[in-house]
Amino acid sequence: MIVGICSIELTLAENHDLKGKRRVLKSIKDRVRDRFNVSIAEVEGLDLWQRSTIGVASVSKDRDQVESTLAHVAAFVEGLNLARVESVHTEIL
């Protein structure tokens, strides 16, 4: 079993309160879940208005599949243009 973990640091520059941040993050998380069948959650910056880190996890028997899925998730989040992607860190276990 191969487990892949990806953390994506986001900046929400247009955001001015936690309610707006949560709305944007919910949209991102719902779209990623629907498209890629991965686990996703906000893991850092929960009380910050304009910054957040989301964690994404994928499990498979094939390492290439996990790497590909996480790379596609990161590109998809960036392509949504709901938040600016500051960095992406992927780890395969």
N, C-alpha and C. Protein backbone atom coordinates (compact mmCIF):
# COMPACT_ATOMS: atom_id res chain seq x y z
N MET A 1 0.85 -1.18 0.00
CA MET A 1 0.00 0.00 0.00
C MET A 1 0.89 1.24 0.00
N ILE A 2 0.59 2.16 -0.89
CA ILE A 2 1.32 3.42 -1.02
C ILE A 2 0.39 4.55 -0.58
N VAL A 3 0.89 5.40 0.31
CA VAL A 3 0.13 6.55 0.79
C VAL A 3 0.88 7.81 0.37
N GLY A 4 0.17 8.72 -0.23
CA GLY A 4 0.75 10.00 -0.62
C GLY A 4 0.06 11.14 0.11
N ILE A 5 0.87 12.07 0.59
CA ILE A 5 0.35 13.23 1.31
C ILE A 5 0.87 14.49 0.61
N CYS A 6 -0.03 15.41 0.38
CA CYS A 6 0.34 16.66 -0.27
C CYS A 6 -0.19 17.82 0.56
N SER A 7 0.68 18.76 0.87
CA SER A 7 0.22 19.97 1.55
C SER A 7 0.34 21.14 0.57
N ILE A 8 -0.73 21.91 0.49
CA ILE A 8 -0.81 23.02 -0.45
C ILE A 8 -1.05 24.29 0.36
N GLU A 9 -0.08 25.19 0.34
CA GLU A 9 -0.21 26.47 1.05
C GLU A 9 -0.90 27.47 0.12
N LEU A 10 -1.93 28.11 0.65
CA LEU A 10 -2.75 29.03 -0.13
C LEU A 10 -2.75 30.43 0.49
N THR A 11 -2.87 31.43 -0.37
CA THR A 11 -3.12 32.79 0.05
C THR A 11 -4.45 33.23 -0.56
N LEU A 12 -5.32 33.76 0.27
CA LEU A 12 -6.62 34.25 -0.17
C LEU A 12 -6.62 35.76 -0.01
N ALA A 13 -5.96 36.46 -0.92
CA ALA A 13 -5.72 37.89 -0.80
C ALA A 13 -7.00 38.73 -0.80
N GLU A 14 -8.01 38.29 -1.48
CA GLU A 14 -9.26 39.05 -1.60
C GLU A 14 -10.16 38.88 -0.38
N ASN A 15 -9.76 38.04 0.55
CA ASN A 15 -10.61 37.68 1.67
C ASN A 15 -10.45 38.65 2.84
N HIS A 16 -11.56 38.92 3.55
CA HIS A 16 -11.51 39.88 4.65
C HIS A 16 -12.09 39.36 5.96
N ASP A 17 -12.54 38.11 5.99
CA ASP A 17 -13.03 37.53 7.23
C ASP A 17 -13.01 36.00 7.15
N LEU A 18 -13.19 35.35 8.29
CA LEU A 18 -13.14 33.89 8.33
C LEU A 18 -14.30 33.25 7.57
N LYS A 19 -15.45 33.91 7.58
CA LYS A 19 -16.61 33.37 6.87
C LYS A 19 -16.33 33.27 5.37
N GLY A 20 -15.74 34.30 4.80
CA GLY A 20 -15.38 34.28 3.39
C GLY A 20 -14.33 33.23 3.09
N LYS A 21 -13.35 33.11 3.98
CA LYS A 21 -12.30 32.11 3.81
C LYS A 21 -12.90 30.70 3.79
N ARG A 22 -13.78 30.44 4.74
CA ARG A 22 -14.39 29.11 4.82
C ARG A 22 -15.23 28.79 3.59
N ARG A 23 -15.88 29.81 3.03
CA ARG A 23 -16.68 29.62 1.81
C ARG A 23 -15.78 29.21 0.64
N VAL A 24 -14.66 29.91 0.49
CA VAL A 24 -13.72 29.60 -0.59
C VAL A 24 -13.12 28.20 -0.39
N LEU A 25 -12.68 27.89 0.83
CA LEU A 25 -12.08 26.59 1.09
C LEU A 25 -13.07 25.46 0.89
N LYS A 26 -14.33 25.66 1.29
CA LYS A 26 -15.34 24.64 1.08
C LYS A 26 -15.51 24.36 -0.41
N SER A 27 -15.53 25.41 -1.21
CA SER A 27 -15.65 25.24 -2.65
C SER A 27 -14.48 24.44 -3.21
N ILE A 28 -13.27 24.79 -2.79
CA ILE A 28 -12.07 24.07 -3.26
C ILE A 28 -12.14 22.61 -2.84
N LYS A 29 -12.42 22.35 -1.56
CA LYS A 29 -12.44 20.98 -1.05
C LYS A 29 -13.51 20.14 -1.74
N ASP A 30 -14.71 20.69 -1.91
CA ASP A 30 -15.79 19.95 -2.56
C ASP A 30 -15.44 19.59 -4.00
N ARG A 31 -14.87 20.54 -4.73
CA ARG A 31 -14.51 20.28 -6.13
C ARG A 31 -13.41 19.23 -6.24
N VAL A 32 -12.41 19.30 -5.36
CA VAL A 32 -11.33 18.32 -5.39
C VAL A 32 -11.86 16.93 -5.05
N ARG A 33 -12.68 16.81 -4.00
CA ARG A 33 -13.25 15.51 -3.62
C ARG A 33 -14.07 14.91 -4.75
N ASP A 34 -14.91 15.73 -5.38
CA ASP A 34 -15.77 15.25 -6.46
C ASP A 34 -14.97 14.75 -7.66
N ARG A 35 -13.87 15.40 -7.93
CA ARG A 35 -13.11 15.08 -9.14
C ARG A 35 -12.07 13.98 -8.94
N PHE A 36 -11.44 13.92 -7.76
CA PHE A 36 -10.28 13.04 -7.60
C PHE A 36 -10.44 11.92 -6.58
N ASN A 37 -11.51 11.86 -5.82
CA ASN A 37 -11.71 10.80 -4.83
C ASN A 37 -10.52 10.70 -3.86
N VAL A 38 -10.17 11.82 -3.24
CA VAL A 38 -9.10 11.89 -2.26
C VAL A 38 -9.67 12.47 -0.96
N SER A 39 -8.90 12.34 0.11
CA SER A 39 -9.26 12.99 1.36
C SER A 39 -8.59 14.37 1.38
N ILE A 40 -9.33 15.38 1.84
CA ILE A 40 -8.80 16.73 1.85
C ILE A 40 -9.35 17.48 3.05
N ALA A 41 -8.49 18.27 3.70
CA ALA A 41 -8.91 19.05 4.86
C ALA A 41 -7.97 20.24 5.05
N GLU A 42 -8.47 21.26 5.72
CA GLU A 42 -7.62 22.38 6.11
C GLU A 42 -6.82 21.92 7.32
N VAL A 43 -5.49 22.06 7.25
CA VAL A 43 -4.64 21.52 8.31
C VAL A 43 -3.83 22.58 9.06
N GLU A 44 -3.70 23.77 8.51
CA GLU A 44 -2.97 24.86 9.16
C GLU A 44 -3.62 26.19 8.82
N GLY A 45 -3.40 27.17 9.68
CA GLY A 45 -3.92 28.51 9.43
C GLY A 45 -5.41 28.62 9.61
N LEU A 46 -5.98 27.81 10.50
CA LEU A 46 -7.43 27.79 10.66
C LEU A 46 -8.02 29.13 11.10
N ASP A 47 -7.29 29.90 11.87
CA ASP A 47 -7.81 31.18 12.36
C ASP A 47 -7.29 32.39 11.59
N LEU A 48 -6.55 32.16 10.53
CA LEU A 48 -6.04 33.26 9.72
C LEU A 48 -7.02 33.56 8.59
N TRP A 49 -7.20 34.83 8.27
CA TRP A 49 -8.16 35.22 7.25
C TRP A 49 -7.68 34.98 5.83
N GLN A 50 -6.39 35.17 5.59
CA GLN A 50 -5.92 35.18 4.21
C GLN A 50 -4.89 34.09 3.90
N ARG A 51 -4.66 33.19 4.82
CA ARG A 51 -3.69 32.11 4.57
C ARG A 51 -4.29 30.80 5.06
N SER A 52 -3.94 29.74 4.36
CA SER A 52 -4.40 28.42 4.76
C SER A 52 -3.49 27.37 4.15
N THR A 53 -3.44 26.22 4.79
CA THR A 53 -2.77 25.06 4.22
C THR A 53 -3.78 23.93 4.20
N ILE A 54 -3.96 23.34 3.03
CA ILE A 54 -4.83 22.17 2.93
C ILE A 54 -3.98 20.93 2.74
N GLY A 55 -4.43 19.86 3.34
CA GLY A 55 -3.75 18.58 3.20
C GLY A 55 -4.59 17.65 2.36
N VAL A 56 -3.93 16.92 1.48
CA VAL A 56 -4.61 15.98 0.59
C VAL A 56 -3.92 14.62 0.75
N ALA A 57 -4.72 13.56 0.87
CA ALA A 57 -4.15 12.22 1.00
C ALA A 57 -4.75 11.30 -0.06
N SER A 58 -3.89 10.46 -0.62
CA SER A 58 -4.31 9.49 -1.63
C SER A 58 -3.65 8.15 -1.31
N VAL A 59 -4.39 7.07 -1.50
CA VAL A 59 -3.89 5.72 -1.22
C VAL A 59 -4.10 4.86 -2.46
N SER A 60 -3.09 4.05 -2.80
CA SER A 60 -3.19 3.15 -3.93
C SER A 60 -2.13 2.06 -3.78
N LYS A 61 -2.21 1.07 -4.62
CA LYS A 61 -1.16 0.05 -4.62
C LYS A 61 -0.01 0.43 -5.55
N ASP A 62 -0.22 1.49 -6.34
CA ASP A 62 0.75 1.90 -7.35
C ASP A 62 1.30 3.29 -7.03
N ARG A 63 2.61 3.39 -6.85
CA ARG A 63 3.25 4.66 -6.51
C ARG A 63 3.02 5.73 -7.59
N ASP A 64 3.13 5.34 -8.85
CA ASP A 64 2.94 6.29 -9.95
C ASP A 64 1.53 6.88 -9.93
N GLN A 65 0.56 6.05 -9.60
CA GLN A 65 -0.84 6.52 -9.53
C GLN A 65 -1.00 7.58 -8.44
N VAL A 66 -0.41 7.34 -7.27
CA VAL A 66 -0.49 8.29 -6.16
C VAL A 66 0.19 9.60 -6.54
N GLU A 67 1.40 9.52 -7.08
CA GLU A 67 2.12 10.73 -7.48
C GLU A 67 1.35 11.52 -8.53
N SER A 68 0.80 10.83 -9.50
CA SER A 68 0.04 11.47 -10.57
C SER A 68 -1.22 12.14 -10.01
N THR A 69 -1.93 11.46 -9.15
CA THR A 69 -3.15 12.02 -8.57
C THR A 69 -2.86 13.29 -7.79
N LEU A 70 -1.83 13.26 -6.95
CA LEU A 70 -1.50 14.43 -6.15
C LEU A 70 -1.02 15.60 -7.01
N ALA A 71 -0.27 15.30 -8.06
CA ALA A 71 0.17 16.36 -8.98
C ALA A 71 -1.03 16.99 -9.69
N HIS A 72 -1.98 16.16 -10.10
CA HIS A 72 -3.18 16.67 -10.76
C HIS A 72 -4.04 17.50 -9.79
N VAL A 73 -4.12 17.07 -8.53
CA VAL A 73 -4.87 17.84 -7.54
C VAL A 73 -4.25 19.22 -7.37
N ALA A 74 -2.94 19.29 -7.22
CA ALA A 74 -2.26 20.58 -7.04
C ALA A 74 -2.49 21.49 -8.25
N ALA A 75 -2.39 20.94 -9.44
CA ALA A 75 -2.62 21.73 -10.65
C ALA A 75 -4.07 22.18 -10.75
N PHE A 76 -4.99 21.32 -10.35
CA PHE A 76 -6.41 21.65 -10.38
C PHE A 76 -6.73 22.79 -9.42
N VAL A 77 -6.20 22.73 -8.19
CA VAL A 77 -6.42 23.79 -7.21
C VAL A 77 -5.88 25.12 -7.73
N GLU A 78 -4.71 25.07 -8.33
CA GLU A 78 -4.14 26.30 -8.89
C GLU A 78 -4.98 26.83 -10.03
N GLY A 79 -5.50 25.94 -10.85
CA GLY A 79 -6.32 26.33 -11.99
C GLY A 79 -7.68 26.89 -11.62
N LEU A 80 -8.15 26.62 -10.41
CA LEU A 80 -9.44 27.15 -9.98
C LEU A 80 -9.42 28.67 -9.81
N ASN A 81 -8.24 29.22 -9.54
CA ASN A 81 -8.06 30.66 -9.35
C ASN A 81 -8.93 31.24 -8.23
N LEU A 82 -9.23 30.41 -7.21
CA LEU A 82 -9.96 30.88 -6.05
C LEU A 82 -9.00 31.37 -4.97
N ALA A 83 -7.77 30.86 -5.02
CA ALA A 83 -6.72 31.25 -4.08
C ALA A 83 -5.38 31.07 -4.79
N ARG A 84 -4.38 31.84 -4.35
CA ARG A 84 -3.05 31.71 -4.95
C ARG A 84 -2.29 30.59 -4.24
N VAL A 85 -1.75 29.67 -5.02
CA VAL A 85 -0.95 28.57 -4.47
C VAL A 85 0.46 29.09 -4.23
N GLU A 86 0.88 29.10 -2.96
CA GLU A 86 2.21 29.58 -2.60
C GLU A 86 3.25 28.46 -2.70
N SER A 87 2.88 27.27 -2.24
CA SER A 87 3.81 26.15 -2.33
C SER A 87 3.05 24.83 -2.26
N VAL A 88 3.71 23.81 -2.78
CA VAL A 88 3.16 22.45 -2.76
C VAL A 88 4.27 21.53 -2.29
N HIS A 89 3.96 20.70 -1.30
CA HIS A 89 4.93 19.74 -0.80
C HIS A 89 4.27 18.37 -0.81
N THR A 90 4.90 17.41 -1.48
CA THR A 90 4.37 16.06 -1.58
C THR A 90 5.31 15.08 -0.93
N GLU A 91 4.72 14.13 -0.20
CA GLU A 91 5.50 13.08 0.45
C GLU A 91 4.83 11.75 0.18
N ILE A 92 5.61 10.77 -0.20
CA ILE A 92 5.10 9.43 -0.46
C ILE A 92 5.62 8.51 0.65
N LEU A 93 4.71 7.78 1.27
CA LEU A 93 5.05 6.87 2.37
C LEU A 93 4.95 5.43 1.91
